[in-house]
Each structure stands twice: as structure tokens, then as C-alpha cells.
Amino acid sequence: MANVKPFKAIRPANGLEKRIAALPYDVYNREEAKREVEKEPLSFLRIDRAETQFGADVDTYADCVYEKAHELLWNMVANKELIEDTKDCYYVYELLMEGRTQIGIVACASVDDYIHQVIKKHENTREDKEIDRIRHVDACQAQTGPIFLAYRSHPVIREEIERARKTDALYRFTAEDGVTHSAWKVEEKETVERIKNAFAEIDNIYIADGHHRCASAVKVSLKKRQENPNYTGEEEFNYFLSVLFSDDQLMIMDYNRVVMDLNGLDKEKYLQKVEEQFQLTKWGEAPYQPEKKGSFGMYLDDFWYKLEAKEPYDDDPVEALDVTVIQERLLAPVLGIYDPKTEKRIDFVGGIRGLRELERRVRTDAKVAFALYPTSIKELFAVSDAGKLMPPKSTWFEPKLRSGLFIHRI
């Protein structure tokens, strides 16, 4: 059973939500983040990426950067640019992108549920990225970026979300990228209990995105447990900020690949090797968007090909992923891409950028591109339930959750 609790959110004062809300910290490099903050001085990015407040001579991970994040956050609270609710609430968060809505519950999930694998992961984390967020959470004494969680749909939660959406919205604004964000507060005691009890009936929750933030929150909690002689288990640091979406709300986009060369092969020899594993069909100059699992688009020399896997798929949930099939049947044996996590000859392009971006890359800095059919949420659940890990760059979620709309004081 999942322990998903309400909390007292720190959130933007009404009227400032559009200015404060920011895309996740890891969407930007340092220069891009600095430009965003210069454009909007209230952007929460200045807290999530406090190196934007310093010159290039200051290291991104210097102590003063994390100290500045703490200062900026709590100054915003002192100035009432951010306000803190006085009682525990759930919040309904809706994102509308290109006519499609995605609606979830903002709440705090349990560190112990993560430790005991009630909350399941599908990828490993890198220690350097963990350390950065551990230091950030520890310095701010708050979790500033929500973890994106998924669960199998529950009728009571669905009913309460719809009930909340019929009330006056707490926030509603359209960001520069065209995504409309709306939020409602759920504070009635009976409703809060219904939602909490409904989550308690759910066996497992899954990390969709935010593995590093989640692992960091857990490590901060374990550290605080050791430091606290009066530890009870009820402290806020035992929980981490999350937005939970039911499986029927989520859309995973394709995560495509570009490779810089043909591994020393000429075009004719390369295509011969591709045909050993895939049915190859000449498509034309118009992009080929894979329409089902097992089909792939390939762009080479201003021309699109359709690839279909010849051999049947393995029953193993990881081996059955299209990202595994293209890796093990083409990228590794033909193009020599054996470790996509470290190999510099491959790059990854989120589906939000479209197939024309693959064409642009091949015409500029790459030689061949591959368009994949999106991994499904069912596949993500199956890999997690098997206790296995997905290959790198298997899923691309859109729209992105905004940071700064809901903050959890620990």
C-alpha cells in the first residue's frame, strides 16, 4: 500500500505564478539558465540553478551557490512572493498542451515506500547528479522540484480530481511555450482522507521521471534520520514532493537517435548489414513516423527508409523494448555503438522536436538518424515490476512539470 500524504505547500502568491514557474533545472545548460533568469528575474530557475547569480569564474557546484539558493528561496517567502498554506492539502495540477490535458495530484510520497520498493524505478542514477541535488535540498531545507510518479488508475482519485476541477482554480496561466497550467487546492478533511485512503489501496507507484531528484531526497532523509536523536518517522523529511498521474493520463513520446558516422562502412555495405536484421523498405523524402511497435524510421542521405524487425521479440520486458531492439540489432553490431551512455558518436533527440530535427542533424553533424515508436506506460510498468532497468533514453515525457509552483519544506 502506498503512503501518499497531503502537505502545506509553499507556492507563488496569486498573480506571480506565471513569472515564478520554471521548467526543470536540467532542461538548461548554465548559459541558457542565466539568460532565462535575466529575462525573468523572479523565475524559480534562479533558485534551482543559483549559479546564475554568479559570474562564470564561480564553479557551478561551489558552496556559495547552494547558500545563495537558500537565501533566494527564503527571501521570497519573507517578501511574500511565495506563501505557505496553513493546513495539509492535496493539489490538483493540470497541464494542457496542444489540446491534450494531463491531470495529476500534487502530494508527498514516502521515502520508506521507495526503500521498500512500493515506489519502483526503471533506471539507475549517476552519483554526481545525485550529489548536486542532495546539496541543493539540504541547503534549501526544501524540495523544490517535484518527482513525476505514475500509478494505475483508481476510481476514487479520478472522482475527486474531477470534483476539484469544478471549483475555482488556484492558478491558471499559459507559459511561453504554449502549455497552460492550472491548479486547484483540495483541503476539505473528508476529501483529503478519501484521497489518502485510495492511494493506500494502490500496491505500487512508479517513477516516470526524476530518478535523480528522488534518490537525492531519499539520501537527504536518511542523513537527517541519523542526525535527529528524536526521530519519529513523521517528520517532513521522510517524504518527497511529487506529482502523481494515473496511467491513462500519460503520454510518452518517442526518443530518437542520431549517429555521427557509419562505422567505416560505405552506404551499400551498411544497408546490406541492416537488411540482415530488418525488413527494409524505401520510403521517400517525406519523413516516416513509426506507426507501431517493431517499426523504425531511418534517415540517410536525404532519404527515409522504413525498418521492421525480422526476428520475433523476446518475452523479457527489457529485451522486448524497441529501444533495446534497435540497440542490440543495429546500433551495436553494425554501427559499433556498444555503450550509448558513454559513446560520443551517438546523440538523442526527444520526440517533441519532431522528425524534421532528425533531418536537420543528418544534414549538419550526423550521418544517419533513427525514429522510434514510443515506449508505452505499460512497458515502463512491466520493466519496473520485473525489477529491471530500461536502456538509457527510453522515454520522453511531455509536457514538463514546472518547478516553483509547489515547494515542500522539510
Protein backbone atom coordinates (compact mmCIF):
# COMPACT_ATOMS: atom_id res chain seq x y z
CA MET A 1 0.00 0.00 0.00
CA ALA A 2 1.23 3.45 -0.92
CA ASN A 3 1.60 6.23 1.63
CA VAL A 4 0.86 9.47 -0.26
CA LYS A 5 0.18 12.35 2.09
CA PRO A 6 -1.09 15.93 1.86
CA PHE A 7 1.24 18.77 2.81
CA LYS A 8 1.46 22.52 3.40
CA ALA A 9 2.78 23.80 0.09
CA ILE A 10 4.95 26.86 -0.27
CA ARG A 11 3.70 28.35 -3.52
CA PRO A 12 3.57 31.60 -5.53
CA ALA A 13 1.43 34.45 -4.30
CA ASN A 14 -1.54 34.91 -6.62
CA GLY A 15 -0.55 36.89 -9.66
CA LEU A 16 3.11 35.81 -9.57
CA GLU A 17 2.67 32.19 -10.60
CA LYS A 18 3.45 32.74 -14.29
CA ARG A 19 6.59 34.72 -13.51
CA ILE A 20 7.89 32.27 -10.91
CA ALA A 21 7.10 28.89 -12.51
CA ALA A 22 10.08 27.48 -14.43
CA LEU A 23 10.97 24.44 -16.47
CA PRO A 24 13.06 21.80 -14.64
CA TYR A 25 16.63 22.76 -13.79
CA ASP A 26 18.17 20.09 -16.01
CA VAL A 27 16.50 21.34 -19.20
CA TYR A 28 19.10 24.13 -19.46
CA ASN A 29 22.85 24.44 -19.57
CA ARG A 30 24.45 27.21 -17.49
CA GLU A 31 24.37 29.89 -20.19
CA GLU A 32 20.76 29.14 -21.13
CA ALA A 33 19.70 29.25 -17.48
CA LYS A 34 21.42 32.60 -16.98
CA ARG A 35 19.62 34.08 -20.00
CA GLU A 36 16.27 32.84 -18.69
CA VAL A 37 16.85 34.43 -15.30
CA GLU A 38 17.97 37.71 -16.88
CA LYS A 39 14.75 37.71 -18.90
CA GLU A 40 12.57 36.98 -15.84
CA PRO A 41 14.24 37.89 -12.51
CA LEU A 42 11.52 36.10 -10.48
CA SER A 43 11.96 32.83 -12.33
CA PHE A 44 12.38 29.91 -9.94
CA LEU A 45 15.29 28.86 -12.10
CA ARG A 46 17.45 31.32 -10.16
CA ILE A 47 16.91 29.11 -7.09
CA ASP A 48 17.15 25.75 -8.84
CA ARG A 49 20.25 26.99 -10.70
CA ALA A 50 21.69 29.55 -8.29
CA GLU A 51 24.97 29.69 -10.23
CA THR A 52 23.05 32.12 -12.47
CA GLN A 53 23.66 34.70 -9.73
CA PHE A 54 27.44 34.50 -10.16
CA GLY A 55 29.99 35.11 -12.86
CA ALA A 56 31.46 32.31 -14.96
CA ASP A 57 34.51 32.21 -12.66
CA VAL A 58 32.41 30.70 -9.85
CA ASP A 59 32.10 26.92 -10.07
CA THR A 60 28.55 25.59 -10.58
CA TYR A 61 28.97 23.38 -7.50
CA ALA A 62 30.70 25.85 -5.19
CA ASP A 63 29.37 26.10 -1.62
CA CYS A 64 28.31 29.70 -2.20
CA VAL A 65 25.94 28.57 -4.98
CA TYR A 66 23.92 26.38 -2.62
CA GLU A 67 24.00 29.06 0.08
CA LYS A 68 22.64 31.53 -2.46
CA ALA A 69 19.79 29.14 -3.35
CA HIS A 70 18.79 29.05 0.34
CA GLU A 71 18.97 32.82 0.60
CA LEU A 72 16.90 33.44 -2.51
CA LEU A 73 14.21 30.91 -1.55
CA TRP A 74 13.60 32.16 1.96
CA ASN A 75 13.83 35.81 0.92
CA MET A 76 10.94 35.13 -1.45
CA VAL A 77 8.98 33.67 1.46
CA ALA A 78 9.87 36.66 3.68
CA ASN A 79 8.82 39.04 0.89
CA LYS A 80 5.54 37.12 0.45
CA GLU A 81 6.33 36.41 -3.17
CA LEU A 82 5.97 32.81 -2.01
CA ILE A 83 3.29 31.96 0.57
CA GLU A 84 2.85 28.86 2.73
CA ASP A 85 -0.50 27.18 3.24
CA THR A 86 -1.54 26.69 6.85
CA LYS A 87 -3.01 23.21 6.65
CA ASP A 88 -2.21 19.99 4.85
CA CYS A 89 -3.72 19.83 1.37
CA TYR A 90 -3.57 17.93 -1.85
CA TYR A 91 -3.39 19.92 -5.05
CA VAL A 92 -4.73 19.04 -8.49
CA TYR A 93 -2.36 20.06 -11.28
CA GLU A 94 -3.46 20.16 -14.91
CA LEU A 95 -1.24 20.70 -17.94
CA LEU A 96 -2.78 21.43 -21.33
CA MET A 97 -0.55 21.08 -24.40
CA GLU A 98 -1.80 21.19 -27.98
CA GLY A 99 -5.34 20.29 -26.95
CA ARG A 100 -4.36 17.37 -24.70
CA THR A 101 -4.75 17.52 -20.92
CA GLN A 102 -2.71 15.69 -18.31
CA ILE A 103 -4.03 15.89 -14.75
CA GLY A 104 -2.35 14.73 -11.57
CA ILE A 105 -2.25 15.06 -7.79
CA VAL A 106 0.49 17.09 -6.08
CA ALA A 107 1.39 15.38 -2.81
CA CYS A 108 4.26 13.93 -0.80
CA ALA A 109 5.30 10.33 -1.35
CA SER A 110 7.05 8.22 1.27
CA VAL A 111 10.80 7.66 1.45
CA ASP A 112 10.12 4.31 3.11
CA ASP A 113 7.91 3.33 0.15
CA TYR A 114 10.92 3.96 -2.09
CA ILE A 115 13.24 1.98 0.18
CA HIS A 116 10.79 -0.96 0.33
CA GLN A 117 10.10 -0.81 -3.43
CA VAL A 118 6.46 0.18 -3.20
CA ILE A 119 7.73 3.03 -5.37
CA LYS A 120 9.60 1.39 -8.24
CA LYS A 121 12.29 2.76 -10.52
CA HIS A 122 13.29 1.87 -14.07
CA GLU A 123 16.72 3.49 -14.39
CA ASN A 124 19.91 3.90 -12.39
CA THR A 125 21.24 7.25 -11.25
CA ARG A 126 24.61 8.96 -11.55
CA GLU A 127 26.34 9.85 -8.31
CA ASP A 128 27.48 13.30 -9.49
CA LYS A 129 23.94 14.33 -10.40
CA GLU A 130 22.65 12.97 -7.08
CA ILE A 131 25.23 14.90 -5.07
CA ASP A 132 24.20 18.19 -6.68
CA ARG A 133 20.52 17.77 -5.73
CA ILE A 134 21.39 16.39 -2.28
CA ARG A 135 23.33 19.56 -1.56
CA HIS A 136 20.57 21.72 -3.02
CA VAL A 137 17.79 20.12 -0.93
CA ASP A 138 19.95 20.11 2.18
CA ALA A 139 20.92 23.77 1.78
CA CYS A 140 17.40 24.97 0.98
CA GLN A 141 15.77 22.73 3.60
CA ALA A 142 13.10 22.23 0.98
CA GLN A 143 12.37 20.13 -2.08
CA THR A 144 11.87 22.50 -4.99
CA GLY A 145 11.32 20.18 -7.97
CA PRO A 146 8.59 17.52 -8.00
CA ILE A 147 9.23 13.90 -8.89
CA PHE A 148 6.97 12.66 -11.70
CA LEU A 149 5.20 9.48 -10.49
CA ALA A 150 2.66 7.20 -12.18
CA TYR A 151 0.07 4.79 -10.81
CA ARG A 152 -2.66 2.55 -12.15
CA SER A 153 -5.91 4.49 -12.33
CA HIS A 154 -8.13 4.45 -9.22
CA PRO A 155 -11.83 5.45 -9.44
CA VAL A 156 -11.94 7.39 -6.17
CA ILE A 157 -8.89 9.50 -7.05
CA ARG A 158 -10.30 10.13 -10.52
CA GLU A 159 -13.64 11.20 -9.00
CA GLU A 160 -12.01 13.60 -6.52
CA ILE A 161 -9.85 15.15 -9.23
CA GLU A 162 -12.92 15.85 -11.33
CA ARG A 163 -14.74 17.29 -8.33
CA ALA A 164 -11.85 19.65 -7.61
CA ARG A 165 -11.70 20.85 -11.22
CA LYS A 166 -15.26 22.12 -10.94
CA THR A 167 -14.22 24.60 -8.24
CA ASP A 168 -12.38 27.91 -8.68
CA ALA A 169 -8.82 27.41 -9.86
CA LEU A 170 -5.93 28.39 -7.60
CA TYR A 171 -3.83 29.21 -10.67
CA ARG A 172 -4.32 29.29 -14.42
CA PHE A 173 -1.74 30.65 -16.85
CA THR A 174 -0.20 29.88 -20.22
CA ALA A 175 3.58 29.71 -20.30
CA GLU A 176 5.76 30.98 -23.13
CA ASP A 177 5.93 27.51 -24.68
CA GLY A 178 2.14 27.45 -25.04
CA VAL A 179 1.45 24.97 -22.23
CA THR A 180 -1.43 26.04 -19.98
CA HIS A 181 -1.03 25.23 -16.27
CA SER A 182 -3.98 25.09 -13.86
CA ALA A 183 -4.11 24.13 -10.19
CA TRP A 184 -6.78 23.60 -7.55
CA LYS A 185 -6.46 23.16 -3.80
CA VAL A 186 -8.10 20.17 -2.05
CA GLU A 187 -8.36 20.96 1.67
CA GLU A 188 -11.68 19.57 2.98
CA LYS A 189 -10.86 16.99 5.63
CA GLU A 190 -13.21 14.29 4.31
CA THR A 191 -11.93 14.66 0.74
CA VAL A 192 -8.31 14.59 1.87
CA GLU A 193 -8.98 11.35 3.76
CA ARG A 194 -10.71 9.78 0.75
CA ILE A 195 -7.73 10.50 -1.45
CA LYS A 196 -5.21 9.29 1.15
CA ASN A 197 -7.17 6.06 1.68
CA ALA A 198 -7.48 5.49 -2.06
CA PHE A 199 -3.72 5.73 -2.52
CA ALA A 200 -3.34 3.26 0.35
CA GLU A 201 -5.21 0.73 -1.82
CA ILE A 202 -2.63 1.03 -4.60
CA ASP A 203 0.08 -1.63 -4.49
CA ASN A 204 2.79 0.16 -6.48
CA ILE A 205 3.75 3.59 -7.75
CA TYR A 206 6.32 4.12 -10.49
CA ILE A 207 8.92 6.80 -11.10
CA ALA A 208 8.21 8.13 -14.58
CA ASP A 209 10.77 10.94 -14.48
CA GLY A 210 13.01 12.43 -11.80
CA HIS A 211 15.06 9.44 -10.65
CA HIS A 212 17.94 11.67 -9.52
CA ARG A 213 15.70 14.03 -7.54
CA CYS A 214 14.02 11.04 -5.93
CA ALA A 215 17.27 9.29 -4.97
CA SER A 216 18.61 12.59 -3.62
CA ALA A 217 15.51 13.18 -1.49
CA VAL A 218 15.88 9.69 -0.03
CA LYS A 219 19.54 10.22 0.85
CA VAL A 220 18.81 13.56 2.50
CA SER A 221 16.11 11.83 4.55
CA LEU A 222 18.44 9.04 5.67
CA LYS A 223 21.06 11.61 6.64
CA LYS A 224 18.53 13.56 8.71
CA ARG A 225 17.31 10.41 10.41
CA GLN A 226 20.84 9.76 11.66
CA GLU A 227 21.27 13.36 12.79
CA ASN A 228 17.94 13.53 14.64
CA PRO A 229 18.01 11.89 18.11
CA ASN A 230 14.25 12.35 18.49
CA TYR A 231 13.38 10.84 15.13
CA THR A 232 9.74 9.64 14.94
CA GLY A 233 9.17 8.85 11.24
CA GLU A 234 6.56 11.59 10.92
CA GLU A 235 8.99 14.38 10.04
CA GLU A 236 8.54 16.06 6.68
CA PHE A 237 11.97 14.91 5.52
CA ASN A 238 10.52 11.38 5.40
CA TYR A 239 8.50 12.40 2.34
CA PHE A 240 9.33 13.88 -1.04
CA LEU A 241 7.47 16.29 -3.31
CA SER A 242 5.69 14.51 -6.16
CA VAL A 243 3.07 14.88 -8.84
CA LEU A 244 1.24 11.60 -9.36
CA PHE A 245 -0.53 10.81 -12.63
CA SER A 246 -2.71 7.81 -13.41
CA ASP A 247 -1.57 5.66 -16.31
CA ASP A 248 -4.48 6.77 -18.51
CA GLN A 249 -3.31 10.39 -18.24
CA LEU A 250 0.21 9.90 -19.53
CA MET A 251 1.68 10.14 -22.99
CA ILE A 252 5.24 9.01 -23.61
CA MET A 253 6.83 10.44 -26.74
CA ASP A 254 9.45 8.85 -28.94
CA TYR A 255 13.11 9.25 -28.01
CA ASN A 256 15.10 9.13 -31.23
CA ARG A 257 18.75 8.54 -32.10
CA VAL A 258 21.31 10.13 -34.41
CA VAL A 259 24.72 8.61 -35.15
CA MET A 260 27.67 10.59 -36.44
CA ASP A 261 29.13 8.06 -38.93
CA LEU A 262 28.59 4.63 -40.48
CA ASN A 263 31.41 2.99 -38.53
CA GLY A 264 33.72 2.89 -41.57
CA LEU A 265 31.11 1.30 -43.86
CA ASP A 266 30.07 2.65 -47.24
CA LYS A 267 26.36 3.17 -47.79
CA GLU A 268 25.83 -0.04 -49.80
CA LYS A 269 27.59 -2.28 -47.27
CA TYR A 270 25.78 -0.57 -44.40
CA LEU A 271 22.35 -1.15 -45.95
CA GLN A 272 23.24 -4.81 -46.56
CA LYS A 273 24.02 -5.26 -42.87
CA VAL A 274 20.79 -3.51 -41.86
CA GLU A 275 18.81 -5.93 -44.07
CA GLU A 276 20.24 -8.88 -42.18
CA GLN A 277 18.11 -7.92 -39.16
CA PHE A 278 15.36 -5.73 -40.59
CA GLN A 279 12.93 -5.73 -43.46
CA LEU A 280 14.00 -2.57 -45.30
CA THR A 281 11.55 -0.57 -47.40
CA LYS A 282 12.42 2.57 -49.34
CA TRP A 283 10.04 5.26 -48.13
CA GLY A 284 10.94 8.54 -49.83
CA GLU A 285 11.74 12.15 -48.99
CA ALA A 286 8.74 12.54 -46.65
CA PRO A 287 9.50 11.52 -43.04
CA TYR A 288 8.48 8.07 -41.89
CA GLN A 289 6.86 8.15 -38.43
CA PRO A 290 6.75 4.61 -36.99
CA GLU A 291 3.11 3.61 -36.59
CA LYS A 292 3.51 0.53 -34.42
CA LYS A 293 5.90 -1.36 -32.16
CA GLY A 294 8.63 -3.06 -34.17
CA SER A 295 8.79 -0.44 -36.89
CA PHE A 296 11.53 2.19 -37.20
CA GLY A 297 12.27 5.13 -39.45
CA MET A 298 15.80 5.61 -40.78
CA TYR A 299 17.05 8.78 -42.47
CA LEU A 300 20.20 8.52 -44.58
CA ASP A 301 21.47 10.72 -47.43
CA ASP A 302 18.27 12.80 -47.69
CA PHE A 303 16.08 9.70 -47.89
CA TRP A 304 13.77 7.88 -45.46
CA TYR A 305 13.58 4.13 -45.04
CA LYS A 306 11.12 2.00 -43.10
CA LEU A 307 12.65 -0.78 -40.99
CA GLU A 308 10.72 -3.69 -39.50
CA ALA A 309 12.34 -6.16 -37.12
CA LYS A 310 12.58 -9.64 -38.67
CA GLU A 311 13.12 -11.81 -35.61
CA PRO A 312 10.33 -12.19 -33.03
CA TYR A 313 10.64 -10.16 -29.85
CA ASP A 314 11.89 -11.71 -26.63
CA ASP A 315 9.41 -12.16 -23.75
CA ASP A 316 11.77 -10.35 -21.38
CA PRO A 317 10.30 -6.85 -20.75
CA VAL A 318 13.63 -5.10 -21.39
CA GLU A 319 14.62 -7.16 -24.44
CA ALA A 320 11.14 -6.54 -25.90
CA LEU A 321 11.58 -2.75 -25.90
CA ASP A 322 12.10 -1.12 -29.29
CA VAL A 323 15.00 0.87 -27.82
CA THR A 324 16.67 -2.46 -26.98
CA VAL A 325 15.93 -3.96 -30.39
CA ILE A 326 17.50 -1.07 -32.33
CA GLN A 327 20.46 -1.04 -29.92
CA GLU A 328 21.22 -4.76 -29.99
CA ARG A 329 20.38 -5.49 -33.62
CA LEU A 330 21.76 -2.39 -35.34
CA LEU A 331 23.50 0.25 -33.26
CA ALA A 332 25.92 -2.16 -31.54
CA PRO A 333 26.67 -4.83 -34.18
CA VAL A 334 26.58 -2.59 -37.25
CA LEU A 335 27.49 0.91 -36.07
CA GLY A 336 29.74 -0.02 -33.14
CA ILE A 337 27.69 1.85 -30.52
CA TYR A 338 28.16 -0.56 -27.61
CA ASP A 339 27.55 1.75 -24.66
CA PRO A 340 25.13 4.56 -25.55
CA LYS A 341 25.64 6.12 -22.09
CA THR A 342 29.26 6.97 -22.81
CA GLU A 343 29.69 6.74 -26.60
CA LYS A 344 30.24 10.18 -28.12
CA ARG A 345 29.24 9.07 -31.64
CA ILE A 346 25.54 8.89 -30.72
CA ASP A 347 23.11 11.58 -29.64
CA PHE A 348 19.46 11.51 -28.59
CA VAL A 349 16.60 13.70 -29.78
CA GLY A 350 13.33 14.00 -27.85
CA GLY A 351 10.18 13.43 -29.86
CA ILE A 352 8.93 16.91 -29.00
CA ARG A 353 11.43 18.22 -31.58
CA GLY A 354 9.87 16.24 -34.42
CA LEU A 355 11.33 14.24 -37.29
CA ARG A 356 12.48 17.36 -39.13
CA GLU A 357 15.05 17.78 -36.36
CA LEU A 358 16.46 14.36 -37.29
CA GLU A 359 16.76 15.53 -40.89
CA ARG A 360 18.49 18.72 -39.78
CA ARG A 361 21.01 16.80 -37.68
CA VAL A 362 21.86 14.46 -40.55
CA ARG A 363 22.39 17.43 -42.84
CA THR A 364 24.69 19.12 -40.33
CA ASP A 365 26.64 16.97 -37.86
CA ALA A 366 25.33 13.38 -38.14
CA LYS A 367 25.24 10.67 -40.81
CA VAL A 368 22.15 8.60 -40.00
CA ALA A 369 19.07 9.01 -37.79
CA PHE A 370 16.53 6.60 -36.35
CA ALA A 371 12.91 7.37 -35.45
CA LEU A 372 11.40 5.04 -32.85
CA TYR A 373 7.88 4.13 -31.82
CA PRO A 374 7.29 5.45 -28.28
CA THR A 375 7.76 3.21 -25.26
CA SER A 376 4.36 2.66 -23.63
CA ILE A 377 3.47 3.25 -19.99
CA LYS A 378 2.52 -0.45 -19.85
CA GLU A 379 6.08 -1.35 -20.89
CA LEU A 380 7.51 1.00 -18.27
CA PHE A 381 5.40 -0.69 -15.58
CA ALA A 382 6.44 -4.17 -16.80
CA VAL A 383 10.15 -3.35 -16.62
CA SER A 384 9.78 -1.84 -13.15
CA ASP A 385 7.67 -4.76 -11.89
CA ALA A 386 10.35 -7.17 -13.08
CA GLY A 387 12.93 -5.25 -11.05
CA LYS A 388 14.85 -4.41 -14.20
CA LEU A 389 16.19 -1.23 -15.77
CA MET A 390 15.44 0.41 -19.09
CA PRO A 391 18.22 1.30 -21.52
CA PRO A 392 19.26 4.97 -21.48
CA LYS A 393 16.96 7.48 -23.18
CA SER A 394 13.94 5.16 -23.41
CA THR A 395 11.19 7.63 -22.52
CA TRP A 396 10.44 11.28 -23.22
CA PHE A 397 7.57 12.82 -21.27
CA GLU A 398 5.74 15.97 -22.30
CA PRO A 399 4.62 18.39 -21.09
CA LYS A 400 7.25 19.10 -18.45
CA LEU A 401 6.20 19.82 -14.85
CA ARG A 402 7.03 23.34 -13.67
CA SER A 403 9.24 23.95 -10.66
CA GLY A 404 8.35 26.67 -8.19
CA LEU A 405 4.58 26.14 -8.23
CA PHE A 406 4.72 23.78 -5.25
CA ILE A 407 7.58 23.56 -2.75
CA HIS A 408 7.88 21.15 0.18
CA ARG A 409 9.55 22.41 3.36
CA ILE A 410 11.48 19.61 5.07
